[in-house]
C-alpha atoms as a PDB file:
ATOM      1  CA  MET A   1      68.743 -26.600   4.928  1.00  0.00           C
ATOM      2  CA  LYS A   2      70.426 -25.238   8.051  1.00  0.00           C
ATOM      3  CA  HIS A   3      68.173 -24.896  11.088  1.00  0.00           C
ATOM      4  CA  ILE A   4      68.250 -22.926  14.318  1.00  0.00           C
ATOM      5  CA  LEU A   5      66.043 -24.025  17.199  1.00  0.00           C
ATOM      6  CA  PHE A   6      64.675 -21.379  19.557  1.00  0.00           C
ATOM      7  CA  THR A   7      62.907 -22.487  22.700  1.00  0.00           C
ATOM      8  CA  GLY A   8      60.727 -20.735  25.248  1.00  0.00           C
ATOM      9  CA  GLY A   9      57.125 -19.928  26.020  1.00  0.00           C
ATOM     10  CA  GLY A  10      54.305 -20.007  28.500  1.00  0.00           C
ATOM     11  CA  THR A  11      54.640 -16.247  28.804  1.00  0.00           C
ATOM     12  CA  LEU A  12      56.051 -13.760  26.290  1.00  0.00           C
ATOM     13  CA  GLY A  13      58.983 -12.806  28.533  1.00  0.00           C
ATOM     14  CA  PRO A  14      61.461 -15.324  27.087  1.00  0.00           C
ATOM     15  CA  VAL A  15      59.849 -15.116  23.632  1.00  0.00           C
ATOM     16  CA  THR A  16      59.774 -11.545  22.326  1.00  0.00           C
ATOM     17  CA  PRO A  17      63.561 -10.942  22.612  1.00  0.00           C
ATOM     18  CA  LEU A  18      64.236 -14.142  20.692  1.00  0.00           C
ATOM     19  CA  ILE A  19      61.708 -13.226  18.003  1.00  0.00           C
ATOM     20  CA  ALA A  20      63.819 -10.115  17.362  1.00  0.00           C
ATOM     21  CA  VAL A  21      66.943 -12.278  17.081  1.00  0.00           C
ATOM     22  CA  ALA A  22      65.272 -14.827  14.807  1.00  0.00           C
ATOM     23  CA  LYS A  23      64.032 -12.084  12.470  1.00  0.00           C
ATOM     24  CA  LYS A  24      67.499 -10.559  12.313  1.00  0.00           C
ATOM     25  CA  MET A  25      69.017 -13.937  11.441  1.00  0.00           C
ATOM     26  CA  ARG A  26      66.423 -14.557   8.731  1.00  0.00           C
ATOM     27  CA  GLU A  27      67.204 -11.142   7.230  1.00  0.00           C
ATOM     28  CA  ALA A  28      70.884 -12.079   7.078  1.00  0.00           C
ATOM     29  CA  ASP A  29      70.223 -15.592   5.739  1.00  0.00           C
ATOM     30  CA  PRO A  30      66.792 -16.048   4.104  1.00  0.00           C
ATOM     31  CA  ASP A  31      67.508 -19.763   3.590  1.00  0.00           C
ATOM     32  CA  LEU A  32      67.925 -20.391   7.311  1.00  0.00           C
ATOM     33  CA  GLY A  33      65.182 -22.551   8.823  1.00  0.00           C
ATOM     34  CA  ILE A  34      63.757 -21.159  12.069  1.00  0.00           C
ATOM     35  CA  VAL A  35      62.130 -23.739  14.353  1.00  0.00           C
ATOM     36  CA  TRP A  36      60.530 -22.955  17.713  1.00  0.00           C
ATOM     37  CA  ALA A  37      59.818 -25.235  20.667  1.00  0.00           C
ATOM     38  CA  GLY A  38      57.137 -23.635  22.833  1.00  0.00           C
ATOM     39  CA  THR A  39      54.114 -24.515  24.933  1.00  0.00           C
ATOM     40  CA  ASP A  40      50.641 -25.623  23.955  1.00  0.00           C
ATOM     41  CA  TYR A  41      48.939 -23.122  26.290  1.00  0.00           C
ATOM     42  CA  GLY A  42      50.979 -19.912  26.176  1.00  0.00           C
ATOM     43  CA  PRO A  43      50.422 -16.818  24.027  1.00  0.00           C
ATOM     44  CA  GLU A  44      53.549 -17.324  21.938  1.00  0.00           C
ATOM     45  CA  ARG A  45      52.225 -19.509  19.115  1.00  0.00           C
ATOM     46  CA  GLU A  46      50.312 -16.666  17.436  1.00  0.00           C
ATOM     47  CA  LEU A  47      53.342 -14.378  17.346  1.00  0.00           C
ATOM     48  CA  ILE A  48      55.759 -17.053  16.194  1.00  0.00           C
ATOM     49  CA  GLU A  49      53.611 -18.523  13.438  1.00  0.00           C
ATOM     50  CA  ALA A  50      52.820 -14.990  12.220  1.00  0.00           C
ATOM     51  CA  GLU A  51      56.531 -14.678  11.456  1.00  0.00           C
ATOM     52  CA  GLY A  52      56.439 -17.869   9.391  1.00  0.00           C
ATOM     53  CA  PHE A  53      58.522 -19.888  11.853  1.00  0.00           C
ATOM     54  CA  LEU A  54      57.819 -23.585  12.437  1.00  0.00           C
ATOM     55  CA  PHE A  55      56.242 -24.088  15.857  1.00  0.00           C
ATOM     56  CA  TYR A  56      56.178 -27.271  17.943  1.00  0.00           C
ATOM     57  CA  THR A  57      55.161 -27.839  21.535  1.00  0.00           C
ATOM     58  CA  VAL A  58      57.045 -29.390  24.421  1.00  0.00           C
ATOM     59  CA  PRO A  59      55.268 -30.475  27.628  1.00  0.00           C
ATOM     60  CA  ILE A  60      56.233 -28.427  30.681  1.00  0.00           C
ATOM     61  CA  ALA A  61      58.148 -30.097  33.498  1.00  0.00           C
ATOM     62  CA  LYS A  62      58.143 -27.194  35.927  1.00  0.00           C
ATOM     63  CA  LEU A  63      59.010 -27.312  39.598  1.00  0.00           C
ATOM     64  CA  PRO A  64      56.079 -25.877  41.598  1.00  0.00           C
ATOM     65  CA  ARG A  65      56.789 -22.774  43.669  1.00  0.00           C
ATOM     66  CA  TYR A  66      55.298 -24.437  46.748  1.00  0.00           C
ATOM     67  CA  ALA A  67      55.154 -27.989  48.089  1.00  0.00           C
ATOM     68  CA  SER A  68      52.367 -29.907  46.346  1.00  0.00           C
ATOM     69  CA  LEU A  69      51.455 -33.277  44.884  1.00  0.00           C
ATOM     70  CA  LYS A  70      52.738 -31.921  41.569  1.00  0.00           C
ATOM     71  CA  LEU A  71      56.231 -32.815  42.774  1.00  0.00           C
ATOM     72  CA  LEU A  72      55.331 -36.501  42.393  1.00  0.00           C
ATOM     73  CA  THR A  73      54.652 -36.124  38.659  1.00  0.00           C
ATOM     74  CA  ILE A  74      57.798 -34.112  37.805  1.00  0.00           C
ATOM     75  CA  PRO A  75      59.893 -37.176  36.728  1.00  0.00           C
ATOM     76  CA  PHE A  76      57.134 -38.334  34.369  1.00  0.00           C
ATOM     77  CA  ASP A  77      56.534 -34.806  33.043  1.00  0.00           C
ATOM     78  CA  TYR A  78      60.228 -34.387  32.380  1.00  0.00           C
ATOM     79  CA  TYR A  79      60.444 -37.743  30.584  1.00  0.00           C
ATOM     80  CA  ARG A  80      57.592 -36.707  28.251  1.00  0.00           C
ATOM     81  CA  ALA A  81      59.243 -33.319  27.660  1.00  0.00           C
ATOM     82  CA  LEU A  82      62.556 -34.972  26.867  1.00  0.00           C
ATOM     83  CA  LYS A  83      60.884 -37.260  24.320  1.00  0.00           C
ATOM     84  CA  SER A  84      59.205 -34.293  22.629  1.00  0.00           C
ATOM     85  CA  ALA A  85      62.486 -32.402  22.519  1.00  0.00           C
ATOM     86  CA  SER A  86      64.179 -35.434  21.023  1.00  0.00           C
ATOM     87  CA  ARG A  87      61.583 -35.693  18.244  1.00  0.00           C
ATOM     88  CA  ILE A  88      62.075 -32.039  17.290  1.00  0.00           C
ATOM     89  CA  LEU A  89      65.860 -32.404  17.261  1.00  0.00           C
ATOM     90  CA  ASP A  90      65.567 -35.533  15.100  1.00  0.00           C
ATOM     91  CA  ALA A  91      63.249 -33.829  12.601  1.00  0.00           C
ATOM     92  CA  TYR A  92      65.232 -30.577  12.355  1.00  0.00           C
ATOM     93  CA  PRO A  93      68.836 -31.127  13.495  1.00  0.00           C
ATOM     94  CA  PRO A  94      69.837 -27.567  14.416  1.00  0.00           C
ATOM     95  CA  LYS A  95      73.179 -25.829  14.205  1.00  0.00           C
ATOM     96  CA  ALA A  96      72.427 -24.272  17.600  1.00  0.00           C
ATOM     97  CA  VAL A  97      69.728 -24.093  20.275  1.00  0.00           C
ATOM     98  CA  ILE A  98      68.850 -20.715  21.750  1.00  0.00           C
ATOM     99  CA  SER A  99      66.924 -19.864  24.924  1.00  0.00           C
ATOM    100  CA  ALA A 100      66.095 -16.819  27.027  1.00  0.00           C
ATOM    101  CA  GLY A 101      64.772 -18.807  29.968  1.00  0.00           C
ATOM    102  CA  GLY A 102      61.666 -20.776  30.868  1.00  0.00           C
ATOM    103  CA  PHE A 103      61.200 -24.423  31.764  1.00  0.00           C
ATOM    104  CA  THR A 104      60.352 -25.314  28.163  1.00  0.00           C
ATOM    105  CA  ALA A 105      64.043 -24.846  27.423  1.00  0.00           C
ATOM    106  CA  VAL A 106      65.409 -27.225  30.059  1.00  0.00           C
ATOM    107  CA  PRO A 107      64.803 -30.597  28.334  1.00  0.00           C
ATOM    108  CA  VAL A 108      65.508 -29.101  24.903  1.00  0.00           C
ATOM    109  CA  ILE A 109      68.920 -27.747  25.865  1.00  0.00           C
ATOM    110  CA  ARG A 110      69.915 -30.806  27.869  1.00  0.00           C
ATOM    111  CA  GLU A 111      68.999 -33.151  25.033  1.00  0.00           C
ATOM    112  CA  ALA A 112      70.741 -30.925  22.469  1.00  0.00           C
ATOM    113  CA  ALA A 113      73.902 -30.729  24.570  1.00  0.00           C
ATOM    114  CA  SER A 114      73.966 -34.525  24.848  1.00  0.00           C
ATOM    115  CA  ARG A 115      74.161 -34.534  21.033  1.00  0.00           C
ATOM    116  CA  ASN A 116      77.021 -32.023  21.031  1.00  0.00           C
ATOM    117  CA  ILE A 117      74.799 -29.283  19.603  1.00  0.00           C
ATOM    118  CA  SER A 118      75.934 -25.813  20.684  1.00  0.00           C
ATOM    119  CA  CYS A 119      73.514 -24.058  23.045  1.00  0.00           C
ATOM    120  CA  ILE A 120      73.269 -20.426  24.120  1.00  0.00           C
ATOM    121  CA  ALA A 121      71.194 -19.153  27.054  1.00  0.00           C
ATOM    122  CA  HIS A 122      70.326 -15.522  27.738  1.00  0.00           C
ATOM    123  CA  GLN A 123      69.480 -14.239  31.233  1.00  0.00           C
ATOM    124  CA  LEU A 124      66.922 -11.421  31.077  1.00  0.00           C
ATOM    125  CA  ASP A 125      65.939 -10.802  34.710  1.00  0.00           C
ATOM    126  CA  TYR A 126      68.447  -9.409  37.174  1.00  0.00           C
ATOM    127  CA  THR A 127      68.031 -12.434  39.436  1.00  0.00           C
ATOM    128  CA  PRO A 128      69.230 -15.610  37.664  1.00  0.00           C
ATOM    129  CA  ILE A 129      66.149 -17.761  37.182  1.00  0.00           C
ATOM    130  CA  LEU A 130      65.990 -21.446  38.088  1.00  0.00           C
ATOM    131  CA  SER A 131      65.390 -22.670  34.541  1.00  0.00           C
ATOM    132  CA  ASN A 132      68.604 -20.985  33.404  1.00  0.00           C
ATOM    133  CA  ARG A 133      70.544 -22.256  36.409  1.00  0.00           C
ATOM    134  CA  LEU A 134      69.546 -25.766  35.342  1.00  0.00           C
ATOM    135  CA  VAL A 135      71.033 -25.411  31.851  1.00  0.00           C
ATOM    136  CA  VAL A 136      73.926 -22.927  31.832  1.00  0.00           C
ATOM    137  CA  LYS A 137      76.547 -25.600  32.424  1.00  0.00           C
ATOM    138  CA  HIS A 138      75.353 -27.245  29.195  1.00  0.00           C
ATOM    139  CA  CYS A 139      75.710 -24.033  27.169  1.00  0.00           C
ATOM    140  CA  ARG A 140      78.586 -22.850  25.047  1.00  0.00           C
ATOM    141  CA  TYR A 141      77.740 -19.213  25.786  1.00  0.00           C
ATOM    142  CA  VAL A 142      75.696 -17.500  28.474  1.00  0.00           C
ATOM    143  CA  THR A 143      74.669 -13.889  27.906  1.00  0.00           C
ATOM    144  CA  THR A 144      72.945 -11.414  30.215  1.00  0.00           C
ATOM    145  CA  SER A 145      70.992  -8.173  29.994  1.00  0.00           C
ATOM    146  CA  PHE A 146      72.517  -6.754  33.191  1.00  0.00           C
ATOM    147  CA  ASP A 147      76.111  -6.099  34.148  1.00  0.00           C
ATOM    148  CA  TYR A 148      76.851  -7.913  37.412  1.00  0.00           C
ATOM    149  CA  PRO A 149      79.453  -7.146  40.087  1.00  0.00           C
ATOM    150  CA  ARG A 150      80.190 -10.884  40.285  1.00  0.00           C
ATOM    151  CA  ALA A 151      79.474 -13.905  38.081  1.00  0.00           C
ATOM    152  CA  PRO A 152      75.683 -14.459  38.322  1.00  0.00           C
ATOM    153  CA  PHE A 153      75.903 -18.229  37.787  1.00  0.00           C
ATOM    154  CA  GLY A 154      79.039 -18.833  39.815  1.00  0.00           C
ATOM    155  CA  ALA A 155      82.721 -18.596  38.999  1.00  0.00           C
ATOM    156  CA  LYS A 156      82.685 -21.629  36.692  1.00  0.00           C
ATOM    157  CA  VAL A 157      80.126 -20.123  34.268  1.00  0.00           C
ATOM    158  CA  VAL A 158      81.399 -17.196  32.215  1.00  0.00           C
ATOM    159  CA  SER A 159      78.700 -14.797  31.048  1.00  0.00           C
ATOM    160  CA  TYR A 160      78.716 -11.782  28.737  1.00  0.00           C
ATOM    161  CA  GLN A 161      76.484  -8.738  28.910  1.00  0.00           C
ATOM    162  CA  ILE A 162      74.874  -7.834  25.581  1.00  0.00           C
ATOM    163  CA  PRO A 163      72.191  -5.352  24.532  1.00  0.00           C
ATOM    164  CA  THR A 164      68.759  -6.849  25.176  1.00  0.00           C
ATOM    165  CA  PRO A 165      67.148  -7.761  21.835  1.00  0.00           C
ATOM    166  CA  VAL A 166      63.826  -5.991  21.267  1.00  0.00           C
ATOM    167  CA  ARG A 167      61.247  -6.199  18.487  1.00  0.00           C
ATOM    168  CA  PHE A 168      60.615  -2.469  18.217  1.00  0.00           C
ATOM    169  CA  SER A 169      62.648   0.685  17.740  1.00  0.00           C
ATOM    170  CA  ILE A 170      61.645   4.334  17.678  1.00  0.00           C
ATOM    171  CA  GLU A 171      62.096   4.293  13.904  1.00  0.00           C
ATOM    172  CA  ASP A 172      59.413   1.577  13.643  1.00  0.00           C
ATOM    173  CA  LEU A 173      56.719   3.588  15.399  1.00  0.00           C
ATOM    174  CA  PRO A 174      53.772   4.893  13.424  1.00  0.00           C
ATOM    175  CA  SER A 175      52.798   8.467  14.209  1.00  0.00           C
ATOM    176  CA  ARG A 176      51.048   8.979  17.517  1.00  0.00           C
ATOM    177  CA  GLU A 177      48.094  10.588  15.721  1.00  0.00           C
ATOM    178  CA  SER A 178      47.548   7.633  13.390  1.00  0.00           C
ATOM    179  CA  ALA A 179      47.999   5.188  16.286  1.00  0.00           C
ATOM    180  CA  CYS A 180      45.363   6.964  18.382  1.00  0.00           C
ATOM    181  CA  ARG A 181      42.914   7.036  15.503  1.00  0.00           C
ATOM    182  CA  TYR A 182      43.472   3.309  14.900  1.00  0.00           C
ATOM    183  CA  PHE A 183      42.020   2.662  18.367  1.00  0.00           C
ATOM    184  CA  GLY A 184      39.311   5.302  18.024  1.00  0.00           C
ATOM    185  CA  LEU A 185      41.040   7.653  20.470  1.00  0.00           C
ATOM    186  CA  ASP A 186      41.518  11.418  20.405  1.00  0.00           C
ATOM    187  CA  PRO A 187      45.168  12.280  19.658  1.00  0.00           C
ATOM    188  CA  ASN A 188      44.744  15.574  21.520  1.00  0.00           C
ATOM    189  CA  ARG A 189      44.167  13.800  24.836  1.00  0.00           C
ATOM    190  CA  PRO A 190      46.631  11.702  26.888  1.00  0.00           C
ATOM    191  CA  VAL A 191      46.631   7.900  26.535  1.00  0.00           C
ATOM    192  CA  LEU A 192      47.444   5.333  29.225  1.00  0.00           C
ATOM    193  CA  LEU A 193      48.465   1.838  28.087  1.00  0.00           C
ATOM    194  CA  VAL A 194      47.936  -0.855  30.737  1.00  0.00           C
ATOM    195  CA  THR A 195      49.457  -4.275  30.105  1.00  0.00           C
ATOM    196  CA  GLY A 196      50.060  -7.307  32.252  1.00  0.00           C
ATOM    197  CA  GLY A 197      52.101  -9.009  29.548  1.00  0.00           C
ATOM    198  CA  GLY A 198      51.047 -11.727  27.154  1.00  0.00           C
ATOM    199  CA  THR A 199      49.174 -13.672  29.836  1.00  0.00           C
ATOM    200  CA  GLY A 200      47.677 -10.623  31.530  1.00  0.00           C
ATOM    201  CA  ALA A 201      47.548  -9.794  35.237  1.00  0.00           C
ATOM    202  CA  VAL A 202      44.342 -10.139  37.250  1.00  0.00           C
ATOM    203  CA  GLN A 203      45.746  -8.086  40.132  1.00  0.00           C
ATOM    204  CA  LEU A 204      46.613  -5.198  37.835  1.00  0.00           C
ATOM    205  CA  ASN A 205      43.292  -5.387  35.976  1.00  0.00           C
ATOM    206  CA  ARG A 206      41.345  -5.175  39.227  1.00  0.00           C
ATOM    207  CA  ALA A 207      43.425  -2.241  40.428  1.00  0.00           C
ATOM    208  CA  ILE A 208      42.751  -0.304  37.228  1.00  0.00           C
ATOM    209  CA  ALA A 209      39.032  -1.078  37.470  1.00  0.00           C
ATOM    210  CA  LYS A 210      39.043   0.262  41.039  1.00  0.00           C
ATOM    211  CA  ILE A 211      40.877   3.521  40.374  1.00  0.00           C
ATOM    212  CA  GLU A 212      39.558   4.304  36.878  1.00  0.00           C
ATOM    213  CA  PRO A 213      36.608   6.454  38.067  1.00  0.00           C
ATOM    214  CA  ALA A 214      38.969   8.727  40.011  1.00  0.00           C
ATOM    215  CA  LEU A 215      41.414   9.318  37.143  1.00  0.00           C
ATOM    216  CA  PRO A 216      41.228  12.501  35.041  1.00  0.00           C
ATOM    217  CA  LEU A 217      38.354  12.418  32.563  1.00  0.00           C
ATOM    218  CA  GLU A 218      40.639  13.540  29.736  1.00  0.00           C
ATOM    219  CA  LEU A 219      42.753  10.384  30.180  1.00  0.00           C
ATOM    220  CA  GLN A 220      42.127   7.626  27.624  1.00  0.00           C
ATOM    221  CA  PHE A 221      42.892   3.919  28.079  1.00  0.00           C
ATOM    222  CA  ILE A 222      44.213   1.028  26.048  1.00  0.00           C
ATOM    223  CA  HIS A 223      43.846  -1.875  28.456  1.00  0.00           C
ATOM    224  CA  LEU A 224      45.356  -5.282  27.626  1.00  0.00           C
ATOM    225  CA  MET A 225      43.835  -7.733  30.083  1.00  0.00           C
ATOM    226  CA  GLY A 226      45.252 -11.084  28.979  1.00  0.00           C
ATOM    227  CA  LYS A 227      43.660 -14.106  27.363  1.00  0.00           C
ATOM    228  CA  GLY A 228      40.692 -15.326  29.362  1.00  0.00           C
ATOM    229  CA  LYS A 229      40.985 -12.397  31.783  1.00  0.00           C
ATOM    230  CA  ARG A 230      38.948  -9.742  29.995  1.00  0.00           C
ATOM    231  CA  PHE A 231      36.002  -8.276  31.867  1.00  0.00           C
ATOM    232  CA  SER A 232      33.872  -5.175  31.511  1.00  0.00           C
ATOM    233  CA  ILE A 233      34.803  -2.012  33.372  1.00  0.00           C
ATOM    234  CA  PRO A 234      31.610   0.063  33.692  1.00  0.00           C
ATOM    235  CA  SER A 235      33.117   3.317  32.525  1.00  0.00           C
ATOM    236  CA  GLY A 236      31.301   6.315  31.159  1.00  0.00           C
ATOM    237  CA  ARG A 237      34.498   7.889  29.906  1.00  0.00           C
ATOM    238  CA  PHE A 238      35.068   8.549  26.230  1.00  0.00           C
ATOM    239  CA  GLY A 239      38.197   6.761  25.182  1.00  0.00           C
ATOM    240  CA  TYR A 240      38.416   3.394  26.939  1.00  0.00           C
ATOM    241  CA  VAL A 241      39.252   0.336  24.837  1.00  0.00           C
ATOM    242  CA  SER A 242      40.187  -3.119  26.109  1.00  0.00           C
ATOM    243  CA  PHE A 243      41.605  -6.237  24.502  1.00  0.00           C
ATOM    244  CA  GLU A 244      42.688  -9.644  25.678  1.00  0.00           C
ATOM    245  CA  PHE A 245      45.883  -9.577  23.631  1.00  0.00           C
ATOM    246  CA  LEU A 246      47.502  -7.641  20.812  1.00  0.00           C
ATOM    247  CA  ALA A 247      49.899  -9.226  18.347  1.00  0.00           C
ATOM    248  CA  ASP A 248      50.755  -7.126  15.276  1.00  0.00           C
ATOM    249  CA  GLN A 249      48.938  -4.140  16.788  1.00  0.00           C
ATOM    250  CA  MET A 250      51.158  -3.947  19.897  1.00  0.00           C
ATOM    251  CA  ILE A 251      53.514  -1.460  18.305  1.00  0.00           C
ATOM    252  CA  THR A 252      50.514   0.710  17.435  1.00  0.00           C
ATOM    253  CA  ALA A 253      49.356   0.652  21.064  1.00  0.00           C
ATOM    254  CA  LEU A 254      52.835   1.647  22.215  1.00  0.00           C
ATOM    255  CA  ALA A 255      52.941   4.462  19.671  1.00  0.00           C
ATOM    256  CA  ALA A 256      49.670   5.854  21.022  1.00  0.00           C
ATOM    257  CA  ALA A 257      50.709   5.622  24.683  1.00  0.00           C
ATOM    258  CA  ASP A 258      51.922   8.632  26.668  1.00  0.00           C
ATOM    259  CA  ILE A 259      52.237   6.565  29.864  1.00  0.00           C
ATOM    260  CA  VAL A 260      52.556   2.800  30.309  1.00  0.00           C
ATOM    261  CA  VAL A 261      51.563   0.770  33.363  1.00  0.00           C
ATOM    262  CA  SER A 262      53.146  -2.666  33.103  1.00  0.00           C
ATOM    263  CA  ARG A 263      54.330  -5.725  34.925  1.00  0.00           C
ATOM    264  CA  ALA A 264      58.115  -5.822  35.301  1.00  0.00           C
ATOM    265  CA  GLY A 265      59.322  -8.709  33.172  1.00  0.00           C
ATOM    266  CA  PHE A 266      62.586  -7.576  31.641  1.00  0.00           C
ATOM    267  CA  GLY A 267      61.581  -8.332  28.065  1.00  0.00           C
ATOM    268  CA  ALA A 268      58.664  -5.905  28.396  1.00  0.00           C
ATOM    269  CA  ILE A 269      60.754  -3.304  30.223  1.00  0.00           C
ATOM    270  CA  SER A 270      63.390  -3.419  27.490  1.00  0.00           C
ATOM    271  CA  GLU A 271      60.804  -2.677  24.796  1.00  0.00           C
ATOM    272  CA  LEU A 272      59.563   0.295  26.832  1.00  0.00           C
ATOM    273  CA  ALA A 273      63.152   1.497  27.198  1.00  0.00           C
ATOM    274  CA  ALA A 274      63.847   1.218  23.474  1.00  0.00           C
ATOM    275  CA  LEU A 275      60.794   3.400  22.786  1.00  0.00           C
ATOM    276  CA  LYS A 276      61.492   5.908  25.605  1.00  0.00           C
ATOM    277  CA  LYS A 277      58.134   5.250  27.245  1.00  0.00           C
ATOM    278  CA  PRO A 278      57.573   6.695  30.748  1.00  0.00           C
ATOM    279  CA  SER A 279      56.712   3.635  32.785  1.00  0.00           C
ATOM    280  CA  ILE A 280      54.962   2.727  36.016  1.00  0.00           C
ATOM    281  CA  LEU A 281      55.895  -0.829  36.949  1.00  0.00           C
ATOM    282  CA  VAL A 282      53.731  -3.131  39.067  1.00  0.00           C
ATOM    283  CA  PRO A 283      55.950  -6.192  39.648  1.00  0.00           C
ATOM    284  CA  LEU A 284      54.448  -9.622  40.188  1.00  0.00           C
ATOM    285  CA  PRO A 285      54.817 -10.085  43.965  1.00  0.00           C
ATOM    286  CA  ASN A 286      57.546 -12.418  45.213  1.00  0.00           C
ATOM    287  CA  SER A 287      59.086 -12.836  41.777  1.00  0.00           C
ATOM    288  CA  PRO A 288      62.240 -11.744  39.906  1.00  0.00           C
ATOM    289  CA  GLN A 289      60.188  -8.824  38.577  1.00  0.00           C
ATOM    290  CA  VAL A 290      60.503  -7.065  41.945  1.00  0.00           C
ATOM    291  CA  VAL A 291      64.295  -7.015  41.699  1.00  0.00           C
ATOM    292  CA  ASN A 292      64.123  -5.919  38.051  1.00  0.00           C
ATOM    293  CA  ALA A 293      62.046  -2.882  38.954  1.00  0.00           C
ATOM    294  CA  TYR A 294      64.156  -1.760  41.875  1.00  0.00           C
ATOM    295  CA  ALA A 295      67.407  -2.380  39.973  1.00  0.00           C
ATOM    296  CA  LEU A 296      66.292   0.370  37.571  1.00  0.00           C
ATOM    297  CA  GLY A 297      66.162   2.978  40.327  1.00  0.00           C
ATOM    298  CA  ASP A 298      64.392   6.228  39.534  1.00  0.00           C
ATOM    299  CA  THR A 299      64.269   5.612  35.786  1.00  0.00           C
ATOM    300  CA  VAL A 300      60.813   4.102  36.436  1.00  0.00           C
ATOM    301  CA  ILE A 301      58.060   4.459  39.014  1.00  0.00           C
ATOM    302  CA  THR A 302      57.622   1.224  40.950  1.00  0.00           C
ATOM    303  CA  GLU A 303      54.535   0.268  42.938  1.00  0.00           C
ATOM    304  CA  ASP A 304      55.064  -1.918  46.004  1.00  0.00           C
ATOM    305  CA  THR A 305      52.093  -4.276  45.969  1.00  0.00           C
ATOM    306  CA  ASN A 306      52.925  -5.411  49.500  1.00  0.00           C
ATOM    307  CA  GLN A 307      51.759  -2.024  50.750  1.00  0.00           C
ATOM    308  CA  ARG A 308      48.069  -1.748  51.623  1.00  0.00           C
ATOM    309  CA  ASP A 309      47.677   1.557  49.818  1.00  0.00           C
ATOM    310  CA  TRP A 310      49.495   0.588  46.637  1.00  0.00           C
ATOM    311  CA  GLU A 311      46.403   1.073  44.479  1.00  0.00           C
ATOM    312  CA  ASP A 312      45.950   4.594  45.858  1.00  0.00           C
ATOM    313  CA  GLN A 313      49.614   5.267  45.122  1.00  0.00           C
ATOM    314  CA  LEU A 314      49.191   3.950  41.592  1.00  0.00           C
ATOM    315  CA  GLU A 315      46.262   6.329  41.111  1.00  0.00           C
ATOM    316  CA  GLN A 316      48.306   9.278  42.356  1.00  0.00           C
ATOM    317  CA  ASP A 317      51.330   8.407  40.207  1.00  0.00           C
ATOM    318  CA  ILE A 318      49.177   8.186  37.076  1.00  0.00           C
ATOM    319  CA  VAL A 319      47.550  11.534  37.860  1.00  0.00           C
ATOM    320  CA  ASP A 320      50.940  13.164  38.467  1.00  0.00           C
ATOM    321  CA  LEU A 321      52.276  11.968  35.107  1.00  0.00           C
ATOM    322  CA  VAL A 322      49.133  13.013  33.231  1.00  0.00           C
ATOM    323  CA  TYR A 323      49.726  16.600  34.347  1.00  0.00           C
ATOM    324  CA  ASP A 324      53.536  16.605  34.101  1.00  0.00           C
ATOM    325  CA  PRO A 325      54.663  16.075  30.483  1.00  0.00           C
ATOM    326  CA  GLU A 326      58.209  17.203  31.320  1.00  0.00           C
ATOM    327  CA  ARG A 327      58.588  14.416  33.858  1.00  0.00           C
ATOM    328  CA  ARG A 328      57.176  11.937  31.365  1.00  0.00           C
ATOM    329  CA  THR A 329      59.860  12.917  28.886  1.00  0.00           C
ATOM    330  CA  ALA A 330      62.587  12.735  31.541  1.00  0.00           C
ATOM    331  CA  LEU A 331      61.510   9.244  32.648  1.00  0.00           C
ATOM    332  CA  GLY A 332      61.428   7.952  29.078  1.00  0.00           C
ATOM    333  CA  GLU A 333      64.891   9.324  28.333  1.00  0.00           C
ATOM    334  CA  ALA A 334      66.329   7.964  31.595  1.00  0.00           C
ATOM    335  CA  LEU A 335      64.980   4.463  30.960  1.00  0.00           C
ATOM    336  CA  TYR A 336      66.338   4.542  27.407  1.00  0.00           C
ATOM    337  CA  ASP A 337      69.788   5.517  28.718  1.00  0.00           C
ATOM    338  CA  ARG A 338      69.707   2.894  31.480  1.00  0.00           C
ATOM    339  CA  ILE A 339      68.995  -0.206  29.379  1.00  0.00           C
ATOM    340  CA  PRO A 340      71.129  -1.053  26.314  1.00  0.00           C
ATOM    341  CA  THR A 341      68.950  -2.562  23.584  1.00  0.00           C
ATOM    342  CA  ASP A 342      69.253  -3.430  19.928  1.00  0.00           C
ATOM    343  CA  GLY A 343      67.242  -5.202  17.254  1.00  0.00           C
ATOM    344  CA  GLY A 344      68.979  -8.513  17.970  1.00  0.00           C
ATOM    345  CA  GLU A 345      72.132  -7.858  15.934  1.00  0.00           C
ATOM    346  CA  VAL A 346      74.672  -8.681  18.657  1.00  0.00           C
ATOM    347  CA  PHE A 347      72.976 -11.909  19.712  1.00  0.00           C
ATOM    348  CA  ALA A 348      72.401 -12.955  16.096  1.00  0.00           C
ATOM    349  CA  ASN A 349      76.077 -12.449  15.261  1.00  0.00           C
ATOM    350  CA  LEU A 350      77.056 -14.553  18.277  1.00  0.00           C
ATOM    351  CA  ILE A 351      74.821 -17.377  17.039  1.00  0.00           C
ATOM    352  CA  PHE A 352      76.235 -17.141  13.526  1.00  0.00           C
ATOM    353  CA  SER A 353      79.756 -17.402  14.976  1.00  0.00           C
ATOM    354  CA  VAL A 354      78.745 -20.572  16.794  1.00  0.00           C
ATOM    355  CA  MET A 355      77.270 -22.021  13.614  1.00  0.00           C
ATOM    356  CA  LYS A 356      80.601 -21.610  11.842  1.00  0.00           C
END
């Protein structure tokens, strides 16, 4: 059996685009074996195993963002990760290894390249991330979601812009009415979806808890807090539901939503664009998400969390969108036009060409 090895995890950012690609490849070749190298702590396992893909874990050898004693253990962490990657490659020799970023991918791609296995890396965020910078020279192809004025990884690394693969399309959406009723919500009232991504966002959860009492009473909430981050918001409003995480039901939540408040990972943004969802982005401070949000200009509303009054501004922006359906439509259309997406066809065809 031919195998393809996908790698990435820890968060869903580098995972959900590749799930779309893997599903597209399986549709084209049902006999193709899909193997995934992820983490033992991230939210990705549930999604990947639900698709019937083989899932194995690789220890993380991640450089800390700040100076710490963790730096002393990096060589040992990387050695363990390399051994795990080697065992997966021995058990399922792949025709290609595919990544969309994340430190899980670094030992996998480097070990695969040493065996002359073709590797492909995709850059989602506008700012090239460190994990990709560590592997692109080992890759046969490097693809990007953005079009850059100059080579993002330097003149010696050629990259190609492609549509960002996404799991969902407008044609996949259930009706808004049925989606609202699934969550026990009134389809005649507006719905706000709040999501911090697969791992959640404490900062965003606290902000929503703070401003919720001041938001219009007709507004309903679907609040995804993240695994281990769920807490009770003492709300007397009719129409507030919270979850740690949604897997198969995520598309239903998106179908119900009239407005989405989200972190600004590009995988998540691309799904919102594909579905024409008016979006308020709250980027993770001091991260590539900040550049992602501002690179999209006025196709989204971006909250600057470095400002003292950002929570008040978030409240006002939500209120404005609740009462301005025309602007909601315009924002959704503009985001859709700004970000090219597909169901993974272009990336899948590139991988098939490498396999040949």
